[in-house]
Amino acid sequence: MKLPAKTKAKWLKALRSGEYKQGAGTLYDPKTASFCCLGVLQHCTSRGCVEATTIGDFYHAIPSREFYIDIGAVDFYGNDMVLADMNDGNNLRYPKRLGFKQIAKWIEKNVEAI
């Protein structure tokens, strides 16, 4: 997974800022004003917007392919489920939810800046 260096830095800063309440299962939950780590990526790179296309009572758990193209991300779509799994926990790969600061450390090591 690759992101433009400025985008990666902005995302890491946002995740570490303490300004975002962490949620699960959705990019952004308007009822609790909480974000998934990928919702934070959208919010900090899209002038405060987050995709919220509804499917019943649920929102998409990952950003659209178009979003990743718009921000210049490479090899993110589909691979972003690792981040969603970290954020949400309760799965085989990450049985416990990781906090935004832990996720930021993973991003620093595993997402290449381009």
C-alpha atoms as a PDB file:
ATOM      1  CA  MET A   1       0.000   0.000   0.000  1.00  0.00           C
ATOM      2  CA  LYS A   2       1.308   3.419  -0.956  1.00  0.00           C
ATOM      3  CA  LEU A   3       0.180   6.989  -0.273  1.00  0.00           C
ATOM      4  CA  PRO A   4       1.556  10.368  -1.246  1.00  0.00           C
ATOM      5  CA  ALA A   5       3.930  11.452   1.547  1.00  0.00           C
ATOM      6  CA  LYS A   6       1.869  14.536   2.468  1.00  0.00           C
ATOM      7  CA  THR A   7      -1.322  12.480   2.680  1.00  0.00           C
ATOM      8  CA  LYS A   8       0.322   9.853   4.856  1.00  0.00           C
ATOM      9  CA  ALA A   9       1.720  12.519   7.196  1.00  0.00           C
ATOM     10  CA  LYS A  10      -1.648  14.261   7.442  1.00  0.00           C
ATOM     11  CA  TRP A  11      -3.417  10.976   8.247  1.00  0.00           C
ATOM     12  CA  LEU A  12      -0.880   9.998  10.900  1.00  0.00           C
ATOM     13  CA  LYS A  13      -1.178  13.418  12.524  1.00  0.00           C
ATOM     14  CA  ALA A  14      -4.979  13.142  12.567  1.00  0.00           C
ATOM     15  CA  LEU A  15      -4.922   9.637  14.077  1.00  0.00           C
ATOM     16  CA  ARG A  16      -2.569  10.795  16.829  1.00  0.00           C
ATOM     17  CA  SER A  17      -4.330  14.097  17.495  1.00  0.00           C
ATOM     18  CA  GLY A  18      -6.945  12.824  19.923  1.00  0.00           C
ATOM     19  CA  GLU A  19      -9.551  14.844  18.016  1.00  0.00           C
ATOM     20  CA  TYR A  20     -11.299  11.792  16.553  1.00  0.00           C
ATOM     21  CA  LYS A  21     -13.492   9.411  18.516  1.00  0.00           C
ATOM     22  CA  GLN A  22     -12.928   5.829  17.374  1.00  0.00           C
ATOM     23  CA  GLY A  23     -15.890   3.782  16.181  1.00  0.00           C
ATOM     24  CA  ALA A  24     -16.292   0.442  14.436  1.00  0.00           C
ATOM     25  CA  GLY A  25     -18.095  -1.061  11.459  1.00  0.00           C
ATOM     26  CA  THR A  26     -18.496   2.212   9.600  1.00  0.00           C
ATOM     27  CA  LEU A  27     -16.350   5.013   8.210  1.00  0.00           C
ATOM     28  CA  TYR A  28     -18.352   7.531  10.220  1.00  0.00           C
ATOM     29  CA  ASP A  29     -21.261   7.049  12.579  1.00  0.00           C
ATOM     30  CA  PRO A  30     -23.277  10.277  12.815  1.00  0.00           C
ATOM     31  CA  LYS A  31     -25.168   8.971  15.856  1.00  0.00           C
ATOM     32  CA  THR A  32     -21.987   8.744  17.945  1.00  0.00           C
ATOM     33  CA  ALA A  33     -19.748  11.111  15.920  1.00  0.00           C
ATOM     34  CA  SER A  34     -17.158   8.325  15.738  1.00  0.00           C
ATOM     35  CA  PHE A  35     -14.806   7.276  12.949  1.00  0.00           C
ATOM     36  CA  CYS A  36     -13.011   4.202  11.661  1.00  0.00           C
ATOM     37  CA  CYS A  37      -9.315   4.843  10.940  1.00  0.00           C
ATOM     38  CA  LEU A  38     -10.243   4.893   7.227  1.00  0.00           C
ATOM     39  CA  GLY A  39     -12.976   7.442   7.930  1.00  0.00           C
ATOM     40  CA  VAL A  40     -10.300   9.621   9.534  1.00  0.00           C
ATOM     41  CA  LEU A  41      -8.292   9.317   6.297  1.00  0.00           C
ATOM     42  CA  GLN A  42     -11.285  10.535   4.323  1.00  0.00           C
ATOM     43  CA  HIS A  43     -12.173  13.300   6.763  1.00  0.00           C
ATOM     44  CA  CYS A  44      -8.672  14.771   6.929  1.00  0.00           C
ATOM     45  CA  THR A  45      -8.110  14.620   3.137  1.00  0.00           C
ATOM     46  CA  SER A  46     -11.580  15.543   1.855  1.00  0.00           C
ATOM     47  CA  ARG A  47     -12.307  18.876   3.504  1.00  0.00           C
ATOM     48  CA  GLY A  48     -14.181  17.269   6.371  1.00  0.00           C
ATOM     49  CA  CYS A  49     -16.261  14.888   4.245  1.00  0.00           C
ATOM     50  CA  VAL A  50     -16.694  11.152   4.727  1.00  0.00           C
ATOM     51  CA  GLU A  51     -18.476   8.809   2.331  1.00  0.00           C
ATOM     52  CA  ALA A  52     -21.696   7.647   3.907  1.00  0.00           C
ATOM     53  CA  THR A  53     -23.540   5.661   1.276  1.00  0.00           C
ATOM     54  CA  THR A  54     -26.040   3.685   3.273  1.00  0.00           C
ATOM     55  CA  ILE A  55     -27.005   0.051   2.928  1.00  0.00           C
ATOM     56  CA  GLY A  56     -29.961  -0.294   5.244  1.00  0.00           C
ATOM     57  CA  ASP A  57     -28.775   1.020   8.604  1.00  0.00           C
ATOM     58  CA  PHE A  58     -25.115   0.456   7.817  1.00  0.00           C
ATOM     59  CA  TYR A  59     -22.459   2.510   6.060  1.00  0.00           C
ATOM     60  CA  HIS A  60     -19.675   1.236   3.834  1.00  0.00           C
ATOM     61  CA  ALA A  61     -16.803   0.060   6.017  1.00  0.00           C
ATOM     62  CA  ILE A  62     -14.121   0.987   3.459  1.00  0.00           C
ATOM     63  CA  PRO A  63     -13.695   3.979   1.145  1.00  0.00           C
ATOM     64  CA  SER A  64     -14.547   3.654  -2.528  1.00  0.00           C
ATOM     65  CA  ARG A  65     -11.982   2.886  -5.202  1.00  0.00           C
ATOM     66  CA  GLU A  66     -12.636   6.388  -6.592  1.00  0.00           C
ATOM     67  CA  PHE A  67     -11.625   7.981  -3.300  1.00  0.00           C
ATOM     68  CA  TYR A  68      -8.275   6.192  -3.359  1.00  0.00           C
ATOM     69  CA  ILE A  69      -7.688   7.262  -6.966  1.00  0.00           C
ATOM     70  CA  ASP A  70      -8.520  10.877  -6.049  1.00  0.00           C
ATOM     71  CA  ILE A  71      -5.934  10.981  -3.256  1.00  0.00           C
ATOM     72  CA  GLY A  72      -3.243   9.209  -5.290  1.00  0.00           C
ATOM     73  CA  ALA A  73      -3.206   5.988  -3.255  1.00  0.00           C
ATOM     74  CA  VAL A  74      -1.694   2.875  -4.844  1.00  0.00           C
ATOM     75  CA  ASP A  75      -2.640  -0.717  -3.958  1.00  0.00           C
ATOM     76  CA  PHE A  76      -4.966   0.451  -1.186  1.00  0.00           C
ATOM     77  CA  TYR A  77      -8.399  -0.704  -2.352  1.00  0.00           C
ATOM     78  CA  GLY A  78      -8.977  -4.218  -1.029  1.00  0.00           C
ATOM     79  CA  ASN A  79      -5.807  -4.174   1.068  1.00  0.00           C
ATOM     80  CA  ASP A  80      -7.491  -1.616   3.326  1.00  0.00           C
ATOM     81  CA  MET A  81      -9.456  -4.435   4.978  1.00  0.00           C
ATOM     82  CA  VAL A  82      -6.357  -5.070   7.139  1.00  0.00           C
ATOM     83  CA  LEU A  83      -6.812  -1.581   8.573  1.00  0.00           C
ATOM     84  CA  ALA A  84     -10.562  -2.084   8.984  1.00  0.00           C
ATOM     85  CA  ASP A  85      -9.855  -5.337  10.841  1.00  0.00           C
ATOM     86  CA  MET A  86      -7.389  -3.596  13.163  1.00  0.00           C
ATOM     87  CA  ASN A  87      -9.858  -0.821  13.829  1.00  0.00           C
ATOM     88  CA  ASP A  88     -12.854  -3.052  14.504  1.00  0.00           C
ATOM     89  CA  GLY A  89     -11.280  -6.059  16.231  1.00  0.00           C
ATOM     90  CA  ASN A  90     -13.471  -9.129  16.813  1.00  0.00           C
ATOM     91  CA  ASN A  91     -11.916 -11.056  13.914  1.00  0.00           C
ATOM     92  CA  LEU A  92      -9.343 -13.814  13.566  1.00  0.00           C
ATOM     93  CA  ARG A  93      -6.497 -11.540  12.491  1.00  0.00           C
ATOM     94  CA  TYR A  94      -7.114  -8.916  15.190  1.00  0.00           C
ATOM     95  CA  PRO A  95      -9.318 -10.299  17.970  1.00  0.00           C
ATOM     96  CA  LYS A  96      -8.854  -7.092  19.981  1.00  0.00           C
ATOM     97  CA  ARG A  97      -9.464  -3.631  18.598  1.00  0.00           C
ATOM     98  CA  LEU A  98      -6.344  -1.509  18.142  1.00  0.00           C
ATOM     99  CA  GLY A  99      -6.469   2.171  19.051  1.00  0.00           C
ATOM    100  CA  PHE A 100      -5.724   4.929  16.578  1.00  0.00           C
ATOM    101  CA  LYS A 101      -2.193   5.419  17.929  1.00  0.00           C
ATOM    102  CA  GLN A 102      -1.406   1.711  17.485  1.00  0.00           C
ATOM    103  CA  ILE A 103      -2.856   1.807  13.973  1.00  0.00           C
ATOM    104  CA  ALA A 104      -0.726   4.887  13.218  1.00  0.00           C
ATOM    105  CA  LYS A 105       2.412   2.934  14.190  1.00  0.00           C
ATOM    106  CA  TRP A 106       1.405   0.146  11.793  1.00  0.00           C
ATOM    107  CA  ILE A 107       0.763   2.652   8.995  1.00  0.00           C
ATOM    108  CA  GLU A 108       4.171   4.248   9.573  1.00  0.00           C
ATOM    109  CA  LYS A 109       5.897   0.896   9.080  1.00  0.00           C
ATOM    110  CA  ASN A 110       3.684  -0.667   6.389  1.00  0.00           C
ATOM    111  CA  VAL A 111       2.318   2.083   4.151  1.00  0.00           C
ATOM    112  CA  GLU A 112       4.963   3.382   1.774  1.00  0.00           C
ATOM    113  CA  ALA A 113       5.191   7.141   1.166  1.00  0.00           C
ATOM    114  CA  ILE A 114       5.473   8.046  -2.512  1.00  0.00           C
END
